Amino acid sequence: MLYSHFTLNKVKSDFRITTIETETLFPQIEPVQPGELLTLNLKENLSLATAINTEKARSELIIMPVLTEVRRVLKGQVSLFSGVEFNVDLERGLNGTCDFILARSPEQFFVTQPVVTIVEAKRENIPSGLGQCIASMIAAKQFNEQEGEPIHTLYGVVTTGTEWKFLKLIEQTAYIDSSSYFISEVDQILGILVATVEPEPGRVVITQ
């Protein structure tokens, strides 16, 4: 099975996951102002990406520039991967391609621990990506444990590029943010993403 085959109901059933959807996960977040390059990119390419309206266009023209800005803000101390195979446990169906992975490591030639944030891109439908994202987060949890660097809290994002829905996984509970963030709030989106992956914690009051 592939990550993309997991619906929200299936991932809850297969992995005995409880979901909580009533909490705002980042009630107090320190915004991160976008740099000049990201600001210009969004100004020139946002309308193009939404007009083309494919997952690939949204990933290339909106999502990747936002994620590379996170890496720039953190001075290259995190790694960013796009469209990589992340085969962790074939027997449990934890295999396939992740759209984007962020890890707290400067190593960029291969995915290394600790993986902390999984980003799934969708053309339009956010709910359809929730199960896939949670399955990828479960895989990241297992991967970190196998590599000897377990992480208590894993993060996830399902995004269309213009809308961003954040998740967190703690043990057997997946929290789905009751709030959505939009690309017009890019400083908030950057603040949350930086908080999930920065080596030194502390930008958020409630962590995932």
N, C-alpha and C. Protein backbone atom coordinates (compact mmCIF):
# COMPACT_ATOMS: atom_id res chain seq x y z
N MET A 1 0.84 -1.19 0.00
CA MET A 1 0.00 0.00 0.00
C MET A 1 0.88 1.25 0.00
N LEU A 2 0.36 2.33 -0.56
CA LEU A 2 1.07 3.60 -0.59
C LEU A 2 0.40 4.59 0.37
N TYR A 3 1.16 5.61 0.79
CA TYR A 3 0.59 6.64 1.65
C TYR A 3 -0.69 7.21 1.05
N SER A 4 -0.69 7.40 -0.25
CA SER A 4 -1.83 8.03 -0.92
C SER A 4 -3.10 7.20 -0.85
N HIS A 5 -2.99 5.93 -0.47
CA HIS A 5 -4.17 5.07 -0.37
C HIS A 5 -4.88 5.21 0.97
N PHE A 6 -4.27 5.93 1.90
CA PHE A 6 -4.88 6.07 3.22
C PHE A 6 -5.88 7.22 3.25
N THR A 7 -7.13 6.88 3.56
CA THR A 7 -8.11 7.89 3.90
C THR A 7 -8.00 8.16 5.40
N LEU A 8 -8.70 9.18 5.87
CA LEU A 8 -8.66 9.49 7.29
C LEU A 8 -9.25 8.32 8.10
N ASN A 9 -10.35 7.75 7.62
CA ASN A 9 -10.96 6.63 8.33
C ASN A 9 -10.02 5.42 8.37
N LYS A 10 -9.34 5.16 7.26
CA LYS A 10 -8.48 3.98 7.19
C LYS A 10 -7.26 4.13 8.10
N VAL A 11 -6.67 5.31 8.12
CA VAL A 11 -5.48 5.48 8.96
C VAL A 11 -5.86 5.40 10.44
N LYS A 12 -7.05 5.90 10.78
CA LYS A 12 -7.51 5.79 12.17
C LYS A 12 -7.73 4.33 12.56
N SER A 13 -8.33 3.57 11.64
CA SER A 13 -8.63 2.17 11.91
C SER A 13 -7.37 1.31 11.94
N ASP A 14 -6.51 1.47 10.94
CA ASP A 14 -5.33 0.61 10.82
C ASP A 14 -4.31 0.85 11.92
N PHE A 15 -4.18 2.09 12.36
CA PHE A 15 -3.14 2.42 13.33
C PHE A 15 -3.70 2.84 14.69
N ARG A 16 -5.01 2.68 14.87
CA ARG A 16 -5.67 3.01 16.14
C ARG A 16 -5.36 4.44 16.56
N ILE A 17 -5.56 5.32 15.62
CA ILE A 17 -5.30 6.74 15.84
C ILE A 17 -6.58 7.45 16.27
N THR A 18 -6.48 8.28 17.28
CA THR A 18 -7.57 9.16 17.68
C THR A 18 -7.30 10.54 17.10
N THR A 19 -8.33 11.17 16.57
CA THR A 19 -8.15 12.52 16.01
C THR A 19 -8.89 13.54 16.86
N ILE A 20 -8.28 14.69 17.00
CA ILE A 20 -8.88 15.84 17.69
C ILE A 20 -8.86 17.00 16.71
N GLU A 21 -10.02 17.59 16.47
CA GLU A 21 -10.15 18.61 15.44
C GLU A 21 -10.63 19.94 15.98
N THR A 22 -10.66 20.10 17.30
CA THR A 22 -11.30 21.28 17.90
C THR A 22 -10.31 22.28 18.47
N GLU A 23 -9.02 22.02 18.32
CA GLU A 23 -8.02 22.90 18.92
C GLU A 23 -7.32 23.76 17.87
N THR A 24 -7.02 24.99 18.28
CA THR A 24 -6.12 25.83 17.49
C THR A 24 -4.71 25.49 17.94
N LEU A 25 -3.92 24.93 17.06
CA LEU A 25 -2.62 24.38 17.46
C LEU A 25 -1.57 25.46 17.71
N PHE A 26 -1.73 26.61 17.08
CA PHE A 26 -0.72 27.67 17.22
C PHE A 26 -1.41 28.97 17.61
N PRO A 27 -1.94 29.06 18.84
CA PRO A 27 -2.66 30.27 19.23
C PRO A 27 -1.77 31.49 19.35
N GLN A 28 -0.50 31.28 19.63
CA GLN A 28 0.45 32.40 19.72
C GLN A 28 1.69 32.02 18.93
N ILE A 29 1.84 32.62 17.81
CA ILE A 29 2.95 32.29 16.93
C ILE A 29 3.71 33.55 16.57
N GLU A 30 5.00 33.46 16.53
CA GLU A 30 5.82 34.59 16.12
C GLU A 30 5.92 34.59 14.60
N PRO A 31 5.29 35.56 13.93
CA PRO A 31 5.35 35.58 12.47
C PRO A 31 6.78 35.75 11.97
N VAL A 32 7.04 35.22 10.80
CA VAL A 32 8.33 35.38 10.14
C VAL A 32 8.08 36.10 8.82
N GLN A 33 8.62 37.28 8.72
CA GLN A 33 8.39 38.05 7.50
C GLN A 33 9.10 37.42 6.31
N PRO A 34 8.42 37.29 5.18
CA PRO A 34 9.06 36.69 4.00
C PRO A 34 10.15 37.60 3.45
N GLY A 35 11.18 36.96 2.92
CA GLY A 35 12.25 37.72 2.30
C GLY A 35 11.83 38.30 0.96
N GLU A 36 12.70 39.07 0.40
CA GLU A 36 12.40 39.76 -0.86
C GLU A 36 12.11 38.77 -1.99
N LEU A 37 12.88 37.68 -2.05
CA LEU A 37 12.72 36.73 -3.13
C LEU A 37 11.35 36.04 -3.07
N LEU A 38 10.95 35.58 -1.88
CA LEU A 38 9.64 34.93 -1.74
C LEU A 38 8.52 35.92 -2.02
N THR A 39 8.64 37.13 -1.53
CA THR A 39 7.62 38.14 -1.78
C THR A 39 7.44 38.38 -3.28
N LEU A 40 8.55 38.50 -3.99
CA LEU A 40 8.49 38.71 -5.44
C LEU A 40 7.92 37.48 -6.13
N ASN A 41 8.34 36.30 -5.69
CA ASN A 41 7.86 35.06 -6.30
C ASN A 41 6.35 34.95 -6.18
N LEU A 42 5.83 35.19 -5.00
CA LEU A 42 4.38 35.08 -4.81
C LEU A 42 3.64 36.15 -5.60
N LYS A 43 4.21 37.33 -5.68
CA LYS A 43 3.57 38.40 -6.43
C LYS A 43 3.45 38.05 -7.91
N GLU A 44 4.50 37.42 -8.45
CA GLU A 44 4.52 37.13 -9.88
C GLU A 44 3.86 35.80 -10.23
N ASN A 45 3.91 34.81 -9.32
CA ASN A 45 3.52 33.46 -9.70
C ASN A 45 2.25 32.93 -9.05
N LEU A 46 1.72 33.61 -8.05
CA LEU A 46 0.54 33.11 -7.37
C LEU A 46 -0.65 32.98 -8.32
N SER A 47 -0.90 34.02 -9.08
CA SER A 47 -2.03 33.97 -10.02
C SER A 47 -1.79 32.95 -11.12
N LEU A 48 -0.53 32.78 -11.53
CA LEU A 48 -0.21 31.78 -12.55
C LEU A 48 -0.48 30.37 -12.02
N ALA A 49 -0.06 30.10 -10.80
CA ALA A 49 -0.26 28.77 -10.22
C ALA A 49 -1.74 28.43 -10.08
N THR A 50 -2.53 29.40 -9.65
CA THR A 50 -3.96 29.15 -9.47
C THR A 50 -4.68 29.05 -10.81
N ALA A 51 -4.16 29.73 -11.82
CA ALA A 51 -4.76 29.62 -13.15
C ALA A 51 -4.47 28.26 -13.78
N ILE A 52 -3.22 27.79 -13.66
CA ILE A 52 -2.88 26.46 -14.17
C ILE A 52 -3.63 25.40 -13.38
N ASN A 53 -3.66 25.59 -12.05
CA ASN A 53 -4.47 24.79 -11.13
C ASN A 53 -4.20 23.29 -11.23
N THR A 54 -2.92 22.95 -11.28
CA THR A 54 -2.52 21.55 -11.14
C THR A 54 -1.69 21.44 -9.86
N GLU A 55 -1.63 20.23 -9.32
CA GLU A 55 -0.84 20.01 -8.11
C GLU A 55 0.63 20.35 -8.37
N LYS A 56 1.12 20.01 -9.55
CA LYS A 56 2.52 20.27 -9.89
C LYS A 56 2.80 21.77 -9.92
N ALA A 57 1.93 22.53 -10.55
CA ALA A 57 2.14 23.98 -10.64
C ALA A 57 2.09 24.62 -9.26
N ARG A 58 1.13 24.21 -8.44
CA ARG A 58 1.03 24.77 -7.10
C ARG A 58 2.25 24.41 -6.26
N SER A 59 2.74 23.17 -6.44
CA SER A 59 3.92 22.75 -5.69
C SER A 59 5.15 23.55 -6.09
N GLU A 60 5.35 23.72 -7.39
CA GLU A 60 6.55 24.39 -7.88
C GLU A 60 6.53 25.89 -7.66
N LEU A 61 5.36 26.51 -7.84
CA LEU A 61 5.28 27.97 -7.87
C LEU A 61 4.91 28.59 -6.52
N ILE A 62 4.33 27.80 -5.61
CA ILE A 62 3.93 28.35 -4.31
C ILE A 62 4.60 27.59 -3.16
N ILE A 63 4.38 26.28 -3.11
CA ILE A 63 4.80 25.52 -1.92
C ILE A 63 6.31 25.46 -1.78
N MET A 64 7.01 25.07 -2.83
CA MET A 64 8.46 24.97 -2.74
C MET A 64 9.12 26.30 -2.39
N PRO A 65 8.72 27.43 -2.99
CA PRO A 65 9.32 28.70 -2.56
C PRO A 65 9.10 29.00 -1.08
N VAL A 66 7.94 28.65 -0.54
CA VAL A 66 7.69 28.87 0.89
C VAL A 66 8.63 28.00 1.72
N LEU A 67 8.79 26.74 1.33
CA LEU A 67 9.63 25.82 2.10
C LEU A 67 11.11 26.18 1.98
N THR A 68 11.55 26.62 0.83
CA THR A 68 12.95 27.04 0.71
C THR A 68 13.21 28.31 1.53
N GLU A 69 12.17 29.12 1.70
CA GLU A 69 12.32 30.29 2.57
C GLU A 69 12.53 29.86 4.02
N VAL A 70 11.85 28.80 4.45
CA VAL A 70 12.07 28.26 5.79
C VAL A 70 13.53 27.84 5.96
N ARG A 71 14.04 27.14 4.96
CA ARG A 71 15.44 26.70 5.02
C ARG A 71 16.40 27.89 5.05
N ARG A 72 16.06 28.95 4.31
CA ARG A 72 16.90 30.14 4.30
C ARG A 72 16.88 30.81 5.67
N VAL A 73 15.69 30.94 6.26
CA VAL A 73 15.54 31.58 7.57
C VAL A 73 16.38 30.84 8.62
N LEU A 74 16.41 29.51 8.51
CA LEU A 74 17.15 28.71 9.47
C LEU A 74 18.58 28.44 9.02
N LYS A 75 19.04 29.23 8.06
CA LYS A 75 20.44 29.24 7.63
C LYS A 75 20.95 27.87 7.22
N GLY A 76 20.08 27.12 6.53
CA GLY A 76 20.49 25.83 5.99
C GLY A 76 20.71 24.74 7.00
N GLN A 77 20.25 24.94 8.22
CA GLN A 77 20.45 23.92 9.26
C GLN A 77 19.35 22.86 9.28
N VAL A 78 18.42 22.96 8.33
CA VAL A 78 17.40 21.92 8.14
C VAL A 78 17.50 21.46 6.69
N SER A 79 17.06 20.22 6.46
CA SER A 79 17.08 19.70 5.09
C SER A 79 15.66 19.66 4.55
N LEU A 80 15.56 19.81 3.24
CA LEU A 80 14.28 19.84 2.54
C LEU A 80 14.34 18.87 1.38
N PHE A 81 13.33 18.00 1.31
CA PHE A 81 13.27 17.01 0.24
C PHE A 81 11.93 17.11 -0.46
N SER A 82 11.96 16.90 -1.77
CA SER A 82 10.75 17.01 -2.59
C SER A 82 10.60 15.76 -3.44
N GLY A 83 9.43 15.10 -3.32
CA GLY A 83 9.11 13.96 -4.17
C GLY A 83 10.03 12.78 -3.98
N VAL A 84 10.44 12.50 -2.74
CA VAL A 84 11.37 11.40 -2.48
C VAL A 84 10.63 10.17 -1.98
N GLU A 85 11.19 9.01 -2.28
CA GLU A 85 10.66 7.76 -1.74
C GLU A 85 10.97 7.72 -0.24
N PHE A 86 9.96 7.35 0.53
CA PHE A 86 10.11 7.26 1.98
C PHE A 86 9.51 5.93 2.42
N ASN A 87 10.26 4.86 2.16
CA ASN A 87 9.79 3.51 2.42
C ASN A 87 10.27 3.07 3.79
N VAL A 88 9.36 3.01 4.74
CA VAL A 88 9.70 2.75 6.13
C VAL A 88 9.27 1.35 6.57
N ASP A 89 8.04 0.96 6.23
CA ASP A 89 7.52 -0.32 6.69
C ASP A 89 6.49 -0.82 5.68
N LEU A 90 6.91 -1.64 4.74
CA LEU A 90 6.03 -2.10 3.68
C LEU A 90 4.88 -2.94 4.23
N GLU A 91 5.13 -3.72 5.28
CA GLU A 91 4.09 -4.57 5.83
C GLU A 91 2.92 -3.77 6.39
N ARG A 92 3.22 -2.58 6.89
CA ARG A 92 2.17 -1.72 7.45
C ARG A 92 1.66 -0.71 6.43
N GLY A 93 2.16 -0.77 5.22
CA GLY A 93 1.73 0.16 4.19
C GLY A 93 2.37 1.52 4.27
N LEU A 94 3.44 1.63 5.03
CA LEU A 94 4.12 2.92 5.21
C LEU A 94 5.23 3.04 4.18
N ASN A 95 4.83 3.25 2.96
CA ASN A 95 5.79 3.38 1.87
C ASN A 95 5.18 4.23 0.76
N GLY A 96 6.06 4.71 -0.08
CA GLY A 96 5.62 5.56 -1.18
C GLY A 96 6.39 6.86 -1.20
N THR A 97 5.86 7.81 -1.93
CA THR A 97 6.52 9.10 -2.12
C THR A 97 5.87 10.16 -1.24
N CYS A 98 6.71 10.94 -0.57
CA CYS A 98 6.23 12.11 0.17
C CYS A 98 6.48 13.35 -0.69
N ASP A 99 5.49 14.22 -0.73
CA ASP A 99 5.65 15.43 -1.54
C ASP A 99 6.81 16.26 -1.03
N PHE A 100 6.83 16.53 0.28
CA PHE A 100 7.92 17.31 0.87
C PHE A 100 8.20 16.78 2.27
N ILE A 101 9.49 16.77 2.63
CA ILE A 101 9.92 16.37 3.97
C ILE A 101 10.89 17.42 4.49
N LEU A 102 10.70 17.81 5.75
CA LEU A 102 11.64 18.68 6.44
C LEU A 102 12.25 17.92 7.60
N ALA A 103 13.56 17.97 7.72
CA ALA A 103 14.26 17.26 8.79
C ALA A 103 15.22 18.21 9.51
N ARG A 104 15.41 17.96 10.81
CA ARG A 104 16.34 18.78 11.59
C ARG A 104 17.76 18.28 11.39
N SER A 105 18.24 18.42 10.19
CA SER A 105 19.60 18.00 9.85
C SER A 105 20.04 18.79 8.63
N PRO A 106 21.29 19.21 8.56
CA PRO A 106 21.78 19.89 7.36
C PRO A 106 22.10 18.94 6.22
N GLU A 107 22.05 17.62 6.46
CA GLU A 107 22.38 16.63 5.44
C GLU A 107 21.33 16.67 4.32
N GLN A 108 21.79 16.92 3.10
CA GLN A 108 20.86 17.12 2.00
C GLN A 108 20.91 16.04 0.93
N PHE A 109 21.84 15.10 1.00
CA PHE A 109 21.95 14.09 -0.04
C PHE A 109 20.99 12.94 0.17
N PHE A 110 20.53 12.72 1.40
CA PHE A 110 19.55 11.67 1.65
C PHE A 110 18.78 12.02 2.91
N VAL A 111 17.60 11.44 3.04
CA VAL A 111 16.76 11.73 4.21
C VAL A 111 17.39 11.12 5.45
N THR A 112 17.61 11.94 6.46
CA THR A 112 18.18 11.46 7.71
C THR A 112 17.35 11.97 8.87
N GLN A 113 17.50 11.34 10.01
CA GLN A 113 16.74 11.71 11.19
C GLN A 113 17.30 12.99 11.81
N PRO A 114 16.47 13.73 12.56
CA PRO A 114 15.05 13.44 12.77
C PRO A 114 14.16 14.14 11.74
N VAL A 115 13.32 13.36 11.09
CA VAL A 115 12.27 13.94 10.24
C VAL A 115 11.22 14.52 11.17
N VAL A 116 10.81 15.76 10.93
CA VAL A 116 9.88 16.39 11.86
C VAL A 116 8.61 16.90 11.19
N THR A 117 8.67 17.24 9.93
CA THR A 117 7.49 17.82 9.27
C THR A 117 7.29 17.21 7.90
N ILE A 118 6.06 16.75 7.64
CA ILE A 118 5.67 16.19 6.36
C ILE A 118 4.69 17.17 5.71
N VAL A 119 4.91 17.49 4.44
CA VAL A 119 4.02 18.39 3.73
C VAL A 119 3.44 17.66 2.52
N GLU A 120 2.12 17.59 2.47
CA GLU A 120 1.43 16.95 1.36
C GLU A 120 0.72 18.02 0.53
N ALA A 121 0.94 17.97 -0.77
CA ALA A 121 0.34 18.94 -1.68
C ALA A 121 -0.92 18.37 -2.31
N LYS A 122 -1.95 19.19 -2.39
CA LYS A 122 -3.19 18.81 -3.04
C LYS A 122 -3.63 19.95 -3.96
N ARG A 123 -4.27 19.56 -5.04
CA ARG A 123 -4.70 20.59 -5.99
C ARG A 123 -5.81 21.45 -5.40
N GLU A 124 -6.79 20.82 -4.74
CA GLU A 124 -7.91 21.58 -4.21
C GLU A 124 -8.41 21.07 -2.87
N ASN A 125 -8.52 19.76 -2.71
CA ASN A 125 -9.27 19.18 -1.61
C ASN A 125 -8.37 18.89 -0.40
N ILE A 126 -8.45 19.73 0.63
CA ILE A 126 -7.65 19.53 1.84
C ILE A 126 -8.04 18.25 2.59
N PRO A 127 -9.33 18.01 2.85
CA PRO A 127 -9.69 16.80 3.62
C PRO A 127 -9.19 15.50 3.00
N SER A 128 -9.11 15.43 1.68
CA SER A 128 -8.68 14.19 1.03
C SER A 128 -7.23 13.85 1.33
N GLY A 129 -6.45 14.83 1.78
CA GLY A 129 -5.04 14.59 2.06
C GLY A 129 -4.73 14.30 3.51
N LEU A 130 -5.72 14.38 4.39
CA LEU A 130 -5.44 14.24 5.82
C LEU A 130 -4.96 12.83 6.19
N GLY A 131 -5.63 11.81 5.67
CA GLY A 131 -5.21 10.44 5.97
C GLY A 131 -3.82 10.15 5.45
N GLN A 132 -3.54 10.61 4.23
CA GLN A 132 -2.22 10.42 3.64
C GLN A 132 -1.15 11.09 4.47
N CYS A 133 -1.43 12.30 4.93
CA CYS A 133 -0.45 13.04 5.71
C CYS A 133 -0.19 12.36 7.06
N ILE A 134 -1.25 11.91 7.73
CA ILE A 134 -1.08 11.25 9.02
C ILE A 134 -0.30 9.95 8.86
N ALA A 135 -0.58 9.19 7.78
CA ALA A 135 0.18 7.97 7.52
C ALA A 135 1.67 8.28 7.35
N SER A 136 1.98 9.36 6.65
CA SER A 136 3.37 9.76 6.46
C SER A 136 4.01 10.18 7.77
N MET A 137 3.23 10.82 8.64
CA MET A 137 3.74 11.23 9.95
C MET A 137 4.02 10.01 10.82
N ILE A 138 3.15 8.99 10.75
CA ILE A 138 3.39 7.75 11.48
C ILE A 138 4.68 7.10 10.99
N ALA A 139 4.88 7.13 9.66
CA ALA A 139 6.12 6.59 9.10
C ALA A 139 7.33 7.36 9.60
N ALA A 140 7.21 8.69 9.67
CA ALA A 140 8.32 9.51 10.16
C ALA A 140 8.64 9.17 11.62
N LYS A 141 7.61 8.96 12.41
CA LYS A 141 7.80 8.58 13.81
C LYS A 141 8.58 7.26 13.90
N GLN A 142 8.16 6.27 13.10
CA GLN A 142 8.83 4.98 13.12
C GLN A 142 10.26 5.10 12.59
N PHE A 143 10.45 5.88 11.54
CA PHE A 143 11.78 6.08 10.97
C PHE A 143 12.74 6.67 12.01
N ASN A 144 12.29 7.70 12.71
CA ASN A 144 13.14 8.32 13.73
C ASN A 144 13.50 7.33 14.83
N GLU A 145 12.52 6.53 15.24
CA GLU A 145 12.78 5.54 16.29
C GLU A 145 13.79 4.48 15.81
N GLN A 146 13.63 4.04 14.57
CA GLN A 146 14.55 3.05 14.03
C GLN A 146 15.97 3.60 13.93
N GLU A 147 16.08 4.90 13.68
CA GLU A 147 17.39 5.53 13.54
C GLU A 147 17.96 6.00 14.88
N GLY A 148 17.26 5.69 15.96
CA GLY A 148 17.78 6.01 17.28
C GLY A 148 17.60 7.43 17.72
N GLU A 149 16.69 8.16 17.10
CA GLU A 149 16.44 9.55 17.50
C GLU A 149 14.94 9.80 17.51
N PRO A 150 14.24 9.22 18.47
CA PRO A 150 12.79 9.38 18.52
C PRO A 150 12.39 10.83 18.80
N ILE A 151 11.30 11.24 18.19
CA ILE A 151 10.76 12.58 18.36
C ILE A 151 9.36 12.46 18.97
N HIS A 152 9.13 13.18 20.05
CA HIS A 152 7.85 13.08 20.75
C HIS A 152 6.71 13.61 19.89
N THR A 153 6.94 14.68 19.16
CA THR A 153 5.89 15.34 18.41
C THR A 153 6.29 15.47 16.95
N LEU A 154 5.43 15.00 16.07
CA LEU A 154 5.63 15.13 14.63
C LEU A 154 4.61 16.12 14.07
N TYR A 155 4.99 16.79 13.01
CA TYR A 155 4.13 17.79 12.39
C TYR A 155 3.77 17.39 10.97
N GLY A 156 2.66 17.89 10.51
CA GLY A 156 2.26 17.65 9.14
C GLY A 156 1.50 18.85 8.59
N VAL A 157 1.47 18.95 7.28
CA VAL A 157 0.73 20.01 6.61
C VAL A 157 0.08 19.42 5.37
N VAL A 158 -1.18 19.74 5.17
CA VAL A 158 -1.83 19.48 3.89
C VAL A 158 -2.12 20.84 3.28
N THR A 159 -1.67 21.05 2.08
CA THR A 159 -1.80 22.38 1.49
C THR A 159 -2.12 22.34 0.00
N THR A 160 -2.90 23.30 -0.41
CA THR A 160 -3.14 23.54 -1.83
C THR A 160 -2.19 24.61 -2.37
N GLY A 161 -1.33 25.08 -1.50
CA GLY A 161 -0.50 26.23 -1.85
C GLY A 161 -1.13 27.52 -1.36
N THR A 162 -2.41 27.68 -1.62
CA THR A 162 -3.11 28.88 -1.16
C THR A 162 -3.73 28.68 0.21
N GLU A 163 -4.05 27.43 0.58
CA GLU A 163 -4.59 27.11 1.90
C GLU A 163 -3.68 26.09 2.56
N TRP A 164 -3.40 26.29 3.86
CA TRP A 164 -2.50 25.43 4.62
C TRP A 164 -3.21 24.95 5.88
N LYS A 165 -3.28 23.62 6.05
CA LYS A 165 -3.89 23.01 7.23
C LYS A 165 -2.81 22.21 7.97
N PHE A 166 -2.57 22.57 9.22
CA PHE A 166 -1.49 21.97 10.00
C PHE A 166 -2.02 20.85 10.89
N LEU A 167 -1.15 19.86 11.12
CA LEU A 167 -1.46 18.72 11.98
C LEU A 167 -0.29 18.48 12.92
N LYS A 168 -0.56 17.74 13.99
CA LYS A 168 0.52 17.25 14.84
C LYS A 168 0.16 15.84 15.30
N LEU A 169 1.18 15.05 15.54
CA LEU A 169 0.99 13.68 16.00
C LEU A 169 1.78 13.48 17.28
N ILE A 170 1.08 13.11 18.34
CA ILE A 170 1.69 12.77 19.62
C ILE A 170 1.19 11.40 20.02
N GLU A 171 2.11 10.44 20.06
CA GLU A 171 1.73 9.06 20.38
C GLU A 171 0.65 8.59 19.40
N GLN A 172 -0.54 8.26 19.90
CA GLN A 172 -1.62 7.74 19.06
C GLN A 172 -2.69 8.79 18.78
N THR A 173 -2.38 10.04 19.00
CA THR A 173 -3.36 11.10 18.78
C THR A 173 -2.88 12.05 17.70
N ALA A 174 -3.74 12.25 16.72
CA ALA A 174 -3.46 13.20 15.64
C ALA A 174 -4.35 14.42 15.84
N TYR A 175 -3.72 15.57 15.96
CA TYR A 175 -4.44 16.83 16.11
C TYR A 175 -4.51 17.52 14.76
N ILE A 176 -5.71 17.88 14.35
CA ILE A 176 -5.92 18.59 13.09
C ILE A 176 -6.35 20.01 13.45
N ASP A 177 -5.55 20.97 13.07
CA ASP A 177 -5.80 22.36 13.46
C ASP A 177 -7.21 22.79 13.06
N SER A 178 -7.92 23.40 13.99
CA SER A 178 -9.26 23.90 13.67
C SER A 178 -9.19 25.12 12.77
N SER A 179 -8.02 25.73 12.69
CA SER A 179 -7.83 26.90 11.84
C SER A 179 -7.12 26.51 10.55
N SER A 180 -7.41 27.23 9.50
CA SER A 180 -6.65 27.13 8.26
C SER A 180 -5.93 28.45 8.04
N TYR A 181 -4.80 28.38 7.36
CA TYR A 181 -4.03 29.58 7.06
C TYR A 181 -3.95 29.72 5.55
N PHE A 182 -3.99 30.97 5.09
CA PHE A 182 -4.00 31.23 3.67
C PHE A 182 -2.73 31.97 3.26
N ILE A 183 -2.40 31.87 2.00
CA ILE A 183 -1.11 32.39 1.54
C ILE A 183 -0.99 33.89 1.75
N SER A 184 -2.13 34.57 1.89
CA SER A 184 -2.08 36.00 2.23
C SER A 184 -1.50 36.21 3.63
N GLU A 185 -1.51 35.14 4.44
CA GLU A 185 -0.92 35.17 5.78
C GLU A 185 0.42 34.44 5.77
N VAL A 186 1.20 34.66 4.75
CA VAL A 186 2.44 33.89 4.59
C VAL A 186 3.38 34.05 5.77
N ASP A 187 3.34 35.21 6.43
CA ASP A 187 4.20 35.39 7.61
C ASP A 187 3.79 34.45 8.74
N GLN A 188 2.49 34.17 8.87
CA GLN A 188 2.03 33.21 9.86
C GLN A 188 2.43 31.79 9.47
N ILE A 189 2.27 31.46 8.20
CA ILE A 189 2.65 30.13 7.70
C ILE A 189 4.14 29.89 7.93
N LEU A 190 4.96 30.87 7.59
CA LEU A 190 6.40 30.74 7.80
C LEU A 190 6.73 30.59 9.28
N GLY A 191 6.04 31.35 10.12
CA GLY A 191 6.29 31.27 11.55
C GLY A 191 6.01 29.88 12.09
N ILE A 192 4.92 29.28 11.65
CA ILE A 192 4.57 27.93 12.10
C ILE A 192 5.58 26.92 11.59
N LEU A 193 5.90 26.99 10.31
CA LEU A 193 6.85 26.03 9.73
C LEU A 193 8.21 26.13 10.39
N VAL A 194 8.68 27.34 10.63
CA VAL A 194 9.97 27.52 11.30
C VAL A 194 9.91 26.92 12.70
N ALA A 195 8.79 27.13 13.40
CA ALA A 195 8.65 26.61 14.74
C ALA A 195 8.69 25.09 14.78
N THR A 196 8.19 24.44 13.73
CA THR A 196 8.17 22.97 13.73
C THR A 196 9.54 22.37 13.50
N VAL A 197 10.42 23.09 12.85
CA VAL A 197 11.69 22.46 12.46
C VAL A 197 12.93 23.11 13.04
N GLU A 198 12.81 24.28 13.64
CA GLU A 198 14.01 24.94 14.13
C GLU A 198 14.70 24.10 15.19
N PRO A 199 16.02 24.02 15.15
CA PRO A 199 16.76 23.22 16.14
C PRO A 199 16.53 23.68 17.57
N GLU A 200 16.37 24.97 17.77
CA GLU A 200 16.13 25.49 19.10
C GLU A 200 14.64 25.80 19.24
N PRO A 201 13.90 25.04 20.07
CA PRO A 201 12.46 25.27 20.20
C PRO A 201 12.17 26.55 20.93
N GLY A 202 10.90 26.99 20.81
CA GLY A 202 10.50 28.13 21.61
C GLY A 202 9.71 29.19 20.88
N ARG A 203 9.47 29.02 19.59
CA ARG A 203 8.72 30.05 18.88
C ARG A 203 7.21 29.92 19.09
N VAL A 204 6.76 28.77 19.57
CA VAL A 204 5.33 28.61 19.78
C VAL A 204 5.06 28.26 21.24
N VAL A 205 3.88 28.61 21.69
CA VAL A 205 3.50 28.29 23.06
C VAL A 205 3.03 26.84 23.13
N ILE A 206 2.18 26.44 22.22
CA ILE A 206 1.71 25.05 22.16
C ILE A 206 2.44 24.37 21.05
N THR A 207 3.16 23.30 21.36
CA THR A 207 3.90 22.58 20.34
C THR A 207 3.13 21.35 19.95
N GLN A 208 3.40 20.87 18.73
CA GLN A 208 2.72 19.68 18.27
C GLN A 208 3.41 18.45 18.79
